[in-house]
Amino acid sequence: MTQDAASQAPEIPWIADQTRQLLAQQGHAWLLHGPSGLGQYRLALNLARAWLCEAPTAQGACGVCNSCHAIDVRTHADLCMLMPETTMLELGWPLSEKAQSDIDDKKRKASREIRVDAMRDAIEFSQRTSARGRGKVVLVYPAEQMNAITANALLKTLEEPPGDVRFVLATESSHQLLPTIRSRCLGHAMSWPEPQQAKAWLQAQGLDGAEATSFLQAAGGRPDDVLSLRASGRKAEDWSRFPAAMAAGETAFVRDWPVSELVDALQKLCHDALCINQDAAPRFFALKPAKARGGPSIASLSQWAISLQKSRKTMDHPFNAGLMQEALVEQARTALNSAH
C-alpha cells in the first residue's frame, strides 16, 4: 500500500489522538519527527486538513466540506505541498507545469530532493492572499530532503512568516535539519502505538494475526513500515527464514530483493545479533540467546555493521545488483559464523 492509499484509509487511533493533541495548541510552525513508519505524513496532512476545513472540530477536519474535498482531489488553492518530485508522484500530488513538462520531455528525471524552484514557489505561495479565507498551509515532507539552499530559504520565511500561513514539517531524520529550523518550530515526537493496538489495526487492513505479529517485529513496531513490507511482496515466513538463510550464505533466497531492501534487512539482523551477543533482547527477529547456541564474535559483528553502513551510501546506484547481493550475503555468512 502506498502512503497515499494509506492516507485515505479509515482513521488510525494513535494518529487521531495526536491530531487532537496538536490542534489544541497554538503555533504557526510544527515539526513532526520520529523514525519511519510512525505516520508523520498522515499526521501532517490531518493538521493541514483541519486548519483549512470550513467546519473543523476538536477532532480535526469534517471530511465533507468543499475544502476537504479540494484536498482529497489535490486541487486546494491554499495548500502547498513541498516535497521531492518523486514523493509528490508517489503520493499523487501534481507537479508544477514546468517540472512535469521537463520530466515528460525527458530533459531530466524526477528529483529525489526538494528543488530550489519548488522552494521559491512555496515562498511566493506563502505571501499570497488566502483563496478560501481560512489561511494557507505549507506541508514539507520529508523535511530532511531539503539541501542547504532550500533549507536556508525556508528558514527566512519561518523567521518572518506572513500572518495567515502555517507550516508543518514532517521528518524521519530530524538530526539532518538545520538547528535553526528546528528551533523555529514547535516540536512533536511521534507516538508509538501499543503492540496490540497496532496489531488490531493491521488485521483490519487484511493481515491475519500471525502475519501482523511477524511483520510488526520485522518493522520494529512501526505499522506504516509493515504495510510497505507487505506491499513489497514479502511473506511472514520469508522474514522468519531470513537469519538462517543468511547464515548459510543462500544468495538465491534474496535474489529478487532490491539491494536497498536487503541492506535494510541485514542491518536489522546485525542489530539483533549484537543485542543477543550482549544478552539483550532482539528487536526484529526471533533469534536464540547467544549463550544457548554460541554466537558470533562482537568484533566480527561490529565490522559487519560498519560495512553495512558503507553499503547503504551506495545501494541506490549499485554497479551490478547481483554482485552486490552476493557480496552482502557473503559478509553476513562470515559475520554470523564467526566464533567468540
Protein backbone atom coordinates (compact mmCIF):
# COMPACT_ATOMS: atom_id res chain seq x y z
CA MET A 1 0.00 0.00 0.00
CA THR A 2 1.36 3.43 -0.89
CA GLN A 3 1.38 6.22 1.67
CA ASP A 4 -1.24 7.95 -0.44
CA ALA A 5 -3.59 4.99 -0.25
CA ALA A 6 -2.84 4.72 3.43
CA SER A 7 -3.73 8.37 3.99
CA GLN A 8 -7.19 7.68 2.57
CA ALA A 9 -7.76 4.67 4.88
CA PRO A 10 -10.02 4.89 7.95
CA GLU A 11 -8.62 7.00 10.78
CA ILE A 12 -5.88 5.39 12.83
CA PRO A 13 -6.38 5.61 16.61
CA TRP A 14 -2.88 6.76 17.58
CA ILE A 15 -2.79 9.32 14.74
CA ALA A 16 -6.25 10.61 15.71
CA ASP A 17 -5.07 11.08 19.31
CA GLN A 18 -2.07 13.11 18.18
CA THR A 19 -4.21 15.17 15.80
CA ARG A 20 -6.47 16.23 18.68
CA GLN A 21 -3.46 16.96 20.87
CA LEU A 22 -1.77 19.26 18.36
CA LEU A 23 -4.94 21.04 17.25
CA ALA A 24 -5.49 22.09 20.86
CA GLN A 25 -2.19 24.01 20.79
CA GLN A 26 -1.24 27.25 19.09
CA GLY A 27 1.67 27.74 16.75
CA HIS A 28 2.46 28.74 13.17
CA ALA A 29 5.04 26.00 12.55
CA TRP A 30 5.20 22.37 13.67
CA LEU A 31 7.99 19.84 13.25
CA LEU A 32 6.76 16.24 13.42
CA HIS A 33 9.71 13.93 13.98
CA GLY A 34 10.44 10.28 14.66
CA PRO A 35 11.56 7.07 12.93
CA SER A 36 9.95 5.94 9.69
CA GLY A 37 6.66 4.11 9.79
CA LEU A 38 5.00 6.10 12.58
CA GLY A 39 2.73 8.19 10.34
CA GLN A 40 4.39 11.60 10.03
CA TYR A 41 2.80 12.24 6.64
CA ARG A 42 -0.64 11.16 7.85
CA LEU A 43 -0.46 13.46 10.87
CA ALA A 44 0.86 16.40 8.85
CA LEU A 45 -1.97 16.05 6.33
CA ASN A 46 -4.51 15.72 9.16
CA LEU A 47 -3.33 19.05 10.58
CA ALA A 48 -3.41 20.75 7.18
CA ARG A 49 -6.94 19.46 6.51
CA ALA A 50 -8.17 20.67 9.90
CA TRP A 51 -6.58 24.12 9.61
CA LEU A 52 -8.18 24.65 6.19
CA CYS A 53 -11.52 22.97 6.94
CA GLU A 54 -14.70 25.07 6.78
CA ALA A 55 -16.27 23.25 9.75
CA PRO A 56 -13.43 21.86 11.90
CA THR A 57 -13.97 20.19 15.26
CA ALA A 58 -11.63 19.41 18.13
CA GLN A 59 -11.04 16.03 16.47
CA GLY A 60 -9.98 17.53 13.13
CA ALA A 61 -11.43 18.21 9.69
CA CYS A 62 -15.08 17.48 8.94
CA GLY A 63 -14.21 15.50 5.82
CA VAL A 64 -17.24 16.65 3.81
CA CYS A 65 -16.88 20.39 3.16
CA ASN A 66 -15.61 21.92 -0.09
CA SER A 67 -12.18 22.47 1.43
CA CYS A 68 -11.83 18.84 2.49
CA HIS A 69 -12.99 17.71 -0.94
CA ALA A 70 -10.46 20.00 -2.64
CA ILE A 71 -7.66 18.37 -0.64
CA ASP A 72 -8.98 14.90 -1.48
CA VAL A 73 -8.78 15.67 -5.21
CA ARG A 74 -5.44 17.51 -4.88
CA THR A 75 -6.70 20.92 -6.02
CA HIS A 76 -6.78 23.06 -2.85
CA ALA A 77 -5.53 26.55 -3.69
CA ASP A 78 -4.40 27.25 -0.11
CA LEU A 79 -2.34 24.09 0.41
CA CYS A 80 1.24 23.92 -0.84
CA MET A 81 2.94 20.52 -0.78
CA LEU A 82 6.70 20.99 -0.63
CA MET A 83 8.23 17.60 -1.40
CA PRO A 84 10.76 15.89 -3.65
CA GLU A 85 9.20 15.28 -7.05
CA THR A 86 9.49 11.52 -6.57
CA THR A 87 7.46 11.79 -3.36
CA MET A 88 4.88 14.06 -5.00
CA LEU A 89 4.35 11.49 -7.75
CA GLU A 90 4.19 8.60 -5.29
CA LEU A 91 1.56 10.34 -3.20
CA GLY A 92 -0.49 11.59 -6.13
CA TRP A 93 0.18 15.33 -5.82
CA PRO A 94 0.52 17.30 -9.07
CA LEU A 95 3.87 18.82 -10.04
CA SER A 96 4.20 22.34 -11.40
CA GLU A 97 3.58 22.61 -15.13
CA LYS A 98 7.26 23.28 -15.85
CA ALA A 99 8.50 20.39 -13.71
CA GLN A 100 6.01 17.97 -15.25
CA SER A 101 6.93 19.15 -18.76
CA ASP A 102 10.67 18.72 -18.12
CA ILE A 103 10.13 15.19 -16.84
CA ASP A 104 7.70 14.25 -19.63
CA ASP A 105 10.15 15.57 -22.25
CA LYS A 106 12.92 13.54 -20.58
CA LYS A 107 15.00 16.66 -20.01
CA ARG A 108 15.64 15.33 -16.51
CA LYS A 109 14.43 12.73 -14.03
CA ALA A 110 12.12 13.47 -11.11
CA SER A 111 14.18 14.90 -8.26
CA ARG A 112 14.73 12.95 -5.04
CA GLU A 113 15.32 16.14 -3.07
CA ILE A 114 13.30 19.31 -2.63
CA ARG A 115 14.29 21.56 -5.52
CA VAL A 116 15.14 25.25 -5.25
CA ASP A 117 12.40 26.09 -7.76
CA ALA A 118 9.81 24.36 -5.58
CA MET A 119 11.00 26.27 -2.52
CA ARG A 120 10.72 29.58 -4.40
CA ASP A 121 7.17 28.66 -5.40
CA ALA A 122 6.34 27.83 -1.78
CA ILE A 123 7.69 31.15 -0.52
CA GLU A 124 5.71 33.04 -3.16
CA PHE A 125 2.63 30.99 -2.19
CA SER A 126 3.05 31.93 1.49
CA GLN A 127 2.99 35.62 0.60
CA ARG A 128 -0.25 35.47 -1.40
CA THR A 129 -3.73 36.15 -0.05
CA SER A 130 -5.72 33.11 1.02
CA ALA A 131 -8.12 31.99 -1.72
CA ARG A 132 -10.72 30.47 0.63
CA GLY A 133 -10.30 32.73 3.63
CA ARG A 134 -9.07 30.03 6.04
CA GLY A 135 -5.40 30.90 5.77
CA LYS A 136 -2.76 28.86 3.96
CA VAL A 137 -0.65 25.80 4.79
CA VAL A 138 2.77 24.70 3.57
CA LEU A 139 3.43 20.99 4.22
CA VAL A 140 7.09 19.92 3.95
CA TYR A 141 7.81 16.18 3.70
CA PRO A 142 10.29 14.61 4.11
CA ALA A 143 11.87 17.76 5.50
CA GLU A 144 15.34 16.16 5.58
CA GLN A 145 15.31 16.22 1.77
CA MET A 146 15.97 19.97 1.76
CA ASN A 147 19.50 20.90 0.74
CA ALA A 148 21.41 23.82 2.27
CA ILE A 149 19.98 26.36 -0.18
CA THR A 150 16.34 25.34 0.19
CA ALA A 151 16.66 24.97 3.96
CA ASN A 152 18.04 28.48 4.37
CA ALA A 153 15.32 29.90 2.13
CA LEU A 154 12.66 28.24 4.30
CA LEU A 155 14.38 29.48 7.46
CA LYS A 156 13.96 33.11 6.41
CA THR A 157 10.23 32.57 5.91
CA LEU A 158 9.89 30.78 9.26
CA GLU A 159 11.65 33.68 10.99
CA GLU A 160 9.30 36.26 9.44
CA PRO A 161 6.14 34.35 8.48
CA PRO A 162 3.24 36.07 6.71
CA GLY A 163 0.31 36.40 9.08
CA ASP A 164 -2.06 33.80 7.65
CA VAL A 165 0.25 30.91 6.75
CA ARG A 166 1.11 27.83 8.82
CA PHE A 167 3.89 25.35 8.27
CA VAL A 168 4.03 21.69 9.14
CA LEU A 169 7.32 19.89 8.59
CA ALA A 170 7.47 16.10 8.84
CA THR A 171 10.74 14.21 9.05
CA GLU A 172 12.23 10.80 9.74
CA SER A 173 15.71 12.29 10.30
CA SER A 174 15.38 15.49 12.33
CA HIS A 175 19.12 15.48 13.06
CA GLN A 176 19.70 16.32 9.38
CA LEU A 177 17.75 19.58 9.66
CA LEU A 178 19.39 22.90 10.42
CA PRO A 179 19.31 23.54 14.19
CA THR A 180 17.86 26.97 13.43
CA ILE A 181 14.93 25.39 11.57
CA ARG A 182 14.28 23.04 14.49
CA SER A 183 14.35 25.98 16.89
CA ARG A 184 11.78 27.95 14.85
CA CYS A 185 9.22 25.13 15.05
CA LEU A 186 7.19 23.56 17.81
CA GLY A 187 8.45 20.00 18.01
CA HIS A 188 6.32 16.88 18.30
CA ALA A 189 7.83 13.43 18.72
CA MET A 190 5.63 10.86 17.01
CA SER A 191 3.92 8.46 19.40
CA TRP A 192 4.46 4.72 19.13
CA PRO A 193 1.27 2.64 19.09
CA GLU A 194 0.82 -0.13 21.63
CA PRO A 195 1.63 -3.52 20.05
CA GLN A 196 -1.92 -4.84 20.42
CA GLN A 197 -3.36 -1.60 19.07
CA ALA A 198 -1.07 -1.76 16.04
CA LYS A 199 -1.83 -5.46 15.51
CA ALA A 200 -5.59 -4.85 15.63
CA TRP A 201 -5.29 -2.05 13.08
CA LEU A 202 -3.16 -4.20 10.76
CA GLN A 203 -5.70 -7.02 10.98
CA ALA A 204 -8.34 -4.51 9.92
CA GLN A 205 -6.15 -3.84 6.85
CA GLY A 206 -6.38 -7.52 5.91
CA LEU A 207 -3.41 -9.16 7.64
CA ASP A 208 -4.04 -12.28 9.69
CA GLY A 209 -2.90 -12.42 13.30
CA ALA A 210 0.33 -14.35 12.77
CA GLU A 211 1.26 -12.22 9.76
CA ALA A 212 0.64 -9.00 11.68
CA THR A 213 2.75 -10.20 14.62
CA SER A 214 5.66 -11.30 12.42
CA PHE A 215 5.68 -8.17 10.28
CA LEU A 216 5.36 -5.88 13.31
CA GLN A 217 8.52 -7.43 14.70
CA ALA A 218 10.20 -7.11 11.31
CA ALA A 219 9.26 -3.42 11.17
CA GLY A 220 10.32 -2.73 14.74
CA GLY A 221 6.75 -1.98 15.82
CA ARG A 222 6.09 0.64 13.11
CA PRO A 223 2.76 -0.01 11.34
CA ASP A 224 3.34 2.01 8.16
CA ASP A 225 6.57 0.09 7.58
CA VAL A 226 4.56 -3.14 7.91
CA LEU A 227 2.37 -2.04 5.01
CA SER A 228 5.48 -1.25 2.95
CA LEU A 229 6.93 -4.68 3.72
CA ARG A 230 3.74 -6.39 2.68
CA ALA A 231 3.45 -4.28 -0.47
CA SER A 232 6.96 -5.40 -1.47
CA GLY A 233 5.66 -8.95 -1.78
CA ARG A 234 7.47 -10.33 1.25
CA LYS A 235 5.75 -13.02 3.29
CA ALA A 236 5.97 -13.54 7.04
CA GLU A 237 7.80 -16.84 6.54
CA ASP A 238 10.42 -15.05 4.41
CA TRP A 239 11.29 -12.91 7.39
CA SER A 240 11.34 -15.88 9.77
CA ARG A 241 13.73 -17.81 7.49
CA PHE A 242 15.97 -14.83 6.70
CA PRO A 243 18.55 -15.24 9.54
CA ALA A 244 19.17 -18.93 8.80
CA ALA A 245 19.37 -18.28 5.06
CA MET A 246 21.97 -15.55 5.58
CA ALA A 247 23.99 -17.68 7.99
CA ALA A 248 24.03 -20.40 5.32
CA GLY A 249 25.07 -17.93 2.61
CA GLU A 250 21.97 -18.57 0.47
CA THR A 251 22.15 -15.81 -2.13
CA ALA A 252 19.25 -17.37 -4.05
CA PHE A 253 16.97 -16.64 -1.09
CA VAL A 254 17.27 -12.88 -1.71
CA ARG A 255 17.78 -12.88 -5.48
CA ASP A 256 14.56 -10.93 -6.10
CA TRP A 257 15.15 -8.46 -3.24
CA PRO A 258 16.09 -4.89 -4.18
CA VAL A 259 19.54 -4.06 -2.81
CA SER A 260 18.11 -1.31 -0.58
CA GLU A 261 15.66 -3.76 1.00
CA LEU A 262 18.40 -6.34 1.53
CA VAL A 263 20.71 -3.83 3.20
CA ASP A 264 17.89 -2.72 5.50
CA ALA A 265 17.10 -6.33 6.49
CA LEU A 266 20.78 -7.12 7.06
CA GLN A 267 21.20 -4.06 9.27
CA LYS A 268 18.28 -5.26 11.37
CA LEU A 269 19.79 -8.74 11.58
CA CYS A 270 23.17 -7.30 12.56
CA HIS A 271 21.46 -5.16 15.22
CA ASP A 272 19.76 -8.20 16.73
CA ALA A 273 22.92 -10.30 16.60
CA LEU A 274 24.75 -7.56 18.50
CA CYS A 275 21.91 -7.43 21.03
CA ILE A 276 21.93 -11.13 21.84
CA ASN A 277 25.73 -11.09 21.94
CA GLN A 278 25.33 -8.72 24.88
CA ASP A 279 22.45 -10.74 26.41
CA ALA A 280 19.84 -8.17 25.33
CA ALA A 281 16.52 -8.98 23.66
CA PRO A 282 16.43 -8.96 19.84
CA ARG A 283 14.07 -6.46 18.26
CA PHE A 284 13.43 -7.58 14.69
CA PHE A 285 13.94 -11.37 14.62
CA ALA A 286 13.18 -14.33 16.89
CA LEU A 287 16.85 -15.19 17.45
CA LYS A 288 18.08 -17.62 20.09
CA PRO A 289 20.11 -16.29 23.05
CA ALA A 290 23.84 -16.33 22.37
CA LYS A 291 24.68 -18.36 25.46
CA ALA A 292 22.31 -21.13 24.43
CA ARG A 293 23.82 -21.67 20.98
CA GLY A 294 27.18 -19.96 20.93
CA GLY A 295 27.28 -16.81 18.86
CA PRO A 296 29.30 -14.66 16.52
CA SER A 297 32.10 -12.51 17.89
CA ILE A 298 31.48 -8.90 18.81
CA ALA A 299 34.45 -7.84 16.68
CA SER A 300 33.06 -9.50 13.55
CA LEU A 301 29.58 -8.11 14.15
CA SER A 302 30.92 -4.60 14.70
CA GLN A 303 32.92 -4.77 11.48
CA TRP A 304 29.85 -6.06 9.67
CA ALA A 305 27.80 -3.13 10.97
CA ILE A 306 30.41 -0.70 9.61
CA SER A 307 30.42 -2.44 6.22
CA LEU A 308 26.63 -2.30 6.01
CA GLN A 309 26.63 1.41 6.78
CA LYS A 310 29.07 1.95 3.90
CA SER A 311 26.87 -0.17 1.62
CA ARG A 312 23.86 1.99 2.47
CA LYS A 313 25.60 5.00 0.93
CA THR A 314 25.95 3.31 -2.46
CA MET A 315 22.95 0.96 -2.54
CA ASP A 316 20.77 3.19 -4.73
CA HIS A 317 23.32 3.03 -7.55
CA PRO A 318 24.98 -0.40 -7.44
CA PHE A 319 27.34 -1.13 -10.33
CA ASN A 320 25.92 -4.66 -10.50
CA ALA A 321 22.99 -5.53 -8.25
CA GLY A 322 23.61 -9.28 -8.46
CA LEU A 323 27.26 -8.99 -7.49
CA MET A 324 26.38 -6.63 -4.65
CA GLN A 325 23.80 -9.13 -3.36
CA GLU A 326 26.41 -11.88 -3.39
CA ALA A 327 28.91 -9.71 -1.54
CA LEU A 328 26.34 -8.69 1.08
CA VAL A 329 25.25 -12.28 1.69
CA GLU A 330 28.87 -13.44 1.98
CA GLN A 331 29.55 -10.68 4.53
CA ALA A 332 26.53 -11.86 6.52
CA ARG A 333 27.58 -15.53 6.36
CA THR A 334 31.10 -14.70 7.54
CA ALA A 335 29.95 -12.49 10.43
CA LEU A 336 27.19 -14.82 11.63
CA ASN A 337 29.50 -17.84 11.66
CA SER A 338 32.43 -16.15 13.39
CA ALA A 339 33.41 -17.61 16.75
CA HIS A 340 33.60 -15.81 20.08
